[in-house]
Amino acid sequence: MLEAIVPIGVAVATGFSILITRIHSRVHELDRRVDGVELRVAEDYISKSEFSTALERVEGHMVRIENKLDRIIIK
């Protein structure tokens, strides 16, 4: 009886190990591909200097709006 259980247990453990290894390799490949897409998006769409310039413009507009609101409140 024990002679039949041990090989079955080893076979089940080996099959489970192979399944986990394949799943891990596919998840790793998918993660690598997603990282590549993120890098391409970051490189192709906007640079840090362009973002910084746009942010400075928005901040400048916000300061002007704040100043106008302050003038309205003071009157």
N, C-alpha and C. Protein backbone atom coordinates (compact mmCIF):
# COMPACT_ATOMS: atom_id res chain seq x y z
N MET A 1 0.83 -1.19 0.00
CA MET A 1 0.00 0.00 0.00
C MET A 1 0.87 1.25 0.00
N LEU A 2 1.88 1.29 0.88
CA LEU A 2 2.78 2.43 0.97
C LEU A 2 3.59 2.59 -0.31
N GLU A 3 3.89 1.44 -0.96
CA GLU A 3 4.67 1.50 -2.21
C GLU A 3 3.89 2.21 -3.32
N ALA A 4 2.59 2.19 -3.28
CA ALA A 4 1.77 2.85 -4.30
C ALA A 4 1.54 4.33 -3.97
N ILE A 5 1.49 4.68 -2.69
CA ILE A 5 1.20 6.06 -2.29
C ILE A 5 2.39 6.98 -2.52
N VAL A 6 3.59 6.49 -2.25
CA VAL A 6 4.79 7.32 -2.39
C VAL A 6 4.98 7.78 -3.83
N PRO A 7 4.95 6.90 -4.86
CA PRO A 7 5.11 7.39 -6.24
C PRO A 7 3.99 8.33 -6.67
N ILE A 8 2.78 8.07 -6.21
CA ILE A 8 1.67 8.97 -6.55
C ILE A 8 1.89 10.34 -5.93
N GLY A 9 2.34 10.36 -4.67
CA GLY A 9 2.64 11.63 -4.01
C GLY A 9 3.75 12.39 -4.70
N VAL A 10 4.80 11.67 -5.11
CA VAL A 10 5.91 12.30 -5.83
C VAL A 10 5.42 12.84 -7.17
N ALA A 11 4.60 12.09 -7.87
CA ALA A 11 4.09 12.54 -9.17
C ALA A 11 3.22 13.78 -9.01
N VAL A 12 2.36 13.80 -8.00
CA VAL A 12 1.51 14.95 -7.76
C VAL A 12 2.35 16.17 -7.41
N ALA A 13 3.35 15.98 -6.55
CA ALA A 13 4.22 17.10 -6.17
C ALA A 13 4.99 17.62 -7.37
N THR A 14 5.48 16.73 -8.21
CA THR A 14 6.22 17.14 -9.41
C THR A 14 5.31 17.89 -10.37
N GLY A 15 4.11 17.38 -10.59
CA GLY A 15 3.16 18.07 -11.47
C GLY A 15 2.80 19.44 -10.96
N PHE A 16 2.56 19.54 -9.66
CA PHE A 16 2.24 20.84 -9.06
C PHE A 16 3.42 21.79 -9.20
N SER A 17 4.62 21.29 -9.02
CA SER A 17 5.82 22.12 -9.14
C SER A 17 5.98 22.65 -10.56
N ILE A 18 5.75 21.78 -11.54
CA ILE A 18 5.85 22.21 -12.95
C ILE A 18 4.79 23.26 -13.26
N LEU A 19 3.59 23.06 -12.76
CA LEU A 19 2.51 24.01 -12.98
C LEU A 19 2.85 25.38 -12.38
N ILE A 20 3.35 25.39 -11.16
CA ILE A 20 3.72 26.65 -10.51
C ILE A 20 4.86 27.33 -11.25
N THR A 21 5.82 26.55 -11.73
CA THR A 21 6.94 27.12 -12.48
C THR A 21 6.46 27.78 -13.77
N ARG A 22 5.56 27.13 -14.48
CA ARG A 22 5.04 27.71 -15.72
C ARG A 22 4.24 28.98 -15.45
N ILE A 23 3.42 28.95 -14.43
CA ILE A 23 2.64 30.15 -14.08
C ILE A 23 3.58 31.29 -13.70
N HIS A 24 4.60 30.98 -12.92
CA HIS A 24 5.56 32.01 -12.51
C HIS A 24 6.27 32.61 -13.72
N SER A 25 6.67 31.77 -14.66
CA SER A 25 7.38 32.29 -15.84
C SER A 25 6.46 33.16 -16.69
N ARG A 26 5.18 32.78 -16.80
CA ARG A 26 4.25 33.61 -17.58
C ARG A 26 3.97 34.95 -16.89
N VAL A 27 3.83 34.92 -15.58
CA VAL A 27 3.61 36.17 -14.84
C VAL A 27 4.85 37.06 -14.95
N HIS A 28 6.02 36.46 -14.87
CA HIS A 28 7.26 37.23 -15.00
C HIS A 28 7.36 37.87 -16.39
N GLU A 29 7.03 37.11 -17.43
CA GLU A 29 7.05 37.64 -18.79
C GLU A 29 6.04 38.78 -18.95
N LEU A 30 4.85 38.62 -18.41
CA LEU A 30 3.83 39.66 -18.48
C LEU A 30 4.29 40.91 -17.74
N ASP A 31 4.91 40.74 -16.58
CA ASP A 31 5.42 41.87 -15.81
C ASP A 31 6.50 42.61 -16.60
N ARG A 32 7.37 41.87 -17.27
CA ARG A 32 8.42 42.48 -18.08
C ARG A 32 7.82 43.28 -19.23
N ARG A 33 6.78 42.74 -19.86
CA ARG A 33 6.14 43.44 -20.98
C ARG A 33 5.41 44.70 -20.51
N VAL A 34 4.76 44.64 -19.37
CA VAL A 34 4.07 45.82 -18.82
C VAL A 34 5.10 46.90 -18.48
N ASP A 35 6.22 46.51 -17.91
CA ASP A 35 7.28 47.49 -17.62
C ASP A 35 7.77 48.16 -18.90
N GLY A 36 7.89 47.40 -19.97
CA GLY A 36 8.31 47.97 -21.25
C GLY A 36 7.31 48.97 -21.78
N VAL A 37 6.03 48.66 -21.66
CA VAL A 37 4.99 49.59 -22.11
C VAL A 37 5.03 50.86 -21.27
N GLU A 38 5.17 50.72 -19.96
CA GLU A 38 5.24 51.90 -19.10
C GLU A 38 6.42 52.78 -19.48
N LEU A 39 7.55 52.17 -19.77
CA LEU A 39 8.74 52.93 -20.15
C LEU A 39 8.51 53.65 -21.47
N ARG A 40 7.91 52.97 -22.45
CA ARG A 40 7.66 53.62 -23.74
C ARG A 40 6.69 54.78 -23.58
N VAL A 41 5.66 54.61 -22.77
CA VAL A 41 4.70 55.69 -22.56
C VAL A 41 5.39 56.87 -21.91
N ALA A 42 6.21 56.60 -20.91
CA ALA A 42 6.90 57.69 -20.21
C ALA A 42 7.87 58.41 -21.13
N GLU A 43 8.50 57.69 -22.03
CA GLU A 43 9.47 58.32 -22.93
C GLU A 43 8.79 59.06 -24.07
N ASP A 44 7.70 58.51 -24.60
CA ASP A 44 7.11 59.04 -25.83
C ASP A 44 6.13 60.18 -25.62
N TYR A 45 5.44 60.21 -24.51
CA TYR A 45 4.35 61.17 -24.39
C TYR A 45 4.77 62.53 -23.86
N ILE A 46 5.50 62.58 -22.78
CA ILE A 46 5.89 63.88 -22.23
C ILE A 46 7.19 63.72 -21.44
N SER A 47 8.05 64.69 -21.60
CA SER A 47 9.31 64.64 -20.86
C SER A 47 9.15 65.41 -19.55
N LYS A 48 10.09 65.23 -18.67
CA LYS A 48 10.02 65.92 -17.39
C LYS A 48 10.11 67.43 -17.56
N SER A 49 10.93 67.87 -18.49
CA SER A 49 11.06 69.32 -18.69
C SER A 49 9.77 69.92 -19.24
N GLU A 50 9.10 69.22 -20.16
CA GLU A 50 7.83 69.71 -20.67
C GLU A 50 6.77 69.74 -19.58
N PHE A 51 6.75 68.70 -18.74
CA PHE A 51 5.80 68.66 -17.64
C PHE A 51 6.07 69.78 -16.65
N SER A 52 7.34 70.03 -16.37
CA SER A 52 7.71 71.10 -15.44
C SER A 52 7.28 72.45 -15.99
N THR A 53 7.47 72.68 -17.27
CA THR A 53 7.07 73.94 -17.89
C THR A 53 5.55 74.11 -17.82
N ALA A 54 4.82 73.07 -18.14
CA ALA A 54 3.36 73.14 -18.09
C ALA A 54 2.88 73.39 -16.66
N LEU A 55 3.51 72.74 -15.69
CA LEU A 55 3.13 72.92 -14.29
C LEU A 55 3.42 74.35 -13.84
N GLU A 56 4.52 74.93 -14.25
CA GLU A 56 4.83 76.32 -13.91
C GLU A 56 3.78 77.27 -14.49
N ARG A 57 3.34 76.99 -15.71
CA ARG A 57 2.30 77.83 -16.32
C ARG A 57 1.00 77.75 -15.54
N VAL A 58 0.62 76.54 -15.14
CA VAL A 58 -0.61 76.37 -14.36
C VAL A 58 -0.49 77.08 -13.02
N GLU A 59 0.65 76.94 -12.38
CA GLU A 59 0.86 77.62 -11.09
C GLU A 59 0.80 79.14 -11.26
N GLY A 60 1.36 79.64 -12.34
CA GLY A 60 1.29 81.08 -12.61
C GLY A 60 -0.14 81.56 -12.77
N HIS A 61 -0.93 80.80 -13.49
CA HIS A 61 -2.35 81.14 -13.66
C HIS A 61 -3.08 81.09 -12.33
N MET A 62 -2.78 80.10 -11.50
CA MET A 62 -3.43 79.97 -10.20
C MET A 62 -3.08 81.17 -9.30
N VAL A 63 -1.84 81.62 -9.34
CA VAL A 63 -1.44 82.79 -8.54
C VAL A 63 -2.20 84.02 -9.01
N ARG A 64 -2.34 84.18 -10.31
CA ARG A 64 -3.09 85.33 -10.82
C ARG A 64 -4.55 85.27 -10.39
N ILE A 65 -5.15 84.09 -10.43
CA ILE A 65 -6.54 83.94 -9.98
C ILE A 65 -6.65 84.25 -8.49
N GLU A 66 -5.70 83.75 -7.69
CA GLU A 66 -5.72 84.04 -6.26
C GLU A 66 -5.61 85.54 -6.00
N ASN A 67 -4.75 86.22 -6.74
CA ASN A 67 -4.61 87.67 -6.57
C ASN A 67 -5.90 88.40 -6.91
N LYS A 68 -6.57 87.99 -7.97
CA LYS A 68 -7.84 88.61 -8.34
C LYS A 68 -8.90 88.36 -7.27
N LEU A 69 -8.94 87.15 -6.73
CA LEU A 69 -9.90 86.86 -5.66
C LEU A 69 -9.60 87.69 -4.41
N ASP A 70 -8.33 87.85 -4.09
CA ASP A 70 -7.96 88.66 -2.93
C ASP A 70 -8.41 90.12 -3.13
N ARG A 71 -8.23 90.64 -4.35
CA ARG A 71 -8.67 92.01 -4.62
C ARG A 71 -10.18 92.15 -4.50
N ILE A 72 -10.90 91.12 -4.94
CA ILE A 72 -12.37 91.17 -4.84
C ILE A 72 -12.79 91.15 -3.38
N ILE A 73 -12.15 90.35 -2.58
CA ILE A 73 -12.51 90.23 -1.15
C ILE A 73 -12.18 91.51 -0.39
N ILE A 74 -11.07 92.16 -0.71
CA ILE A 74 -10.65 93.37 -0.01
C ILE A 74 -11.62 94.52 -0.29
N LYS A 75 -12.20 94.63 -1.47
CA LYS A 75 -13.10 95.73 -1.81
C LYS A 75 -14.37 95.64 -1.09
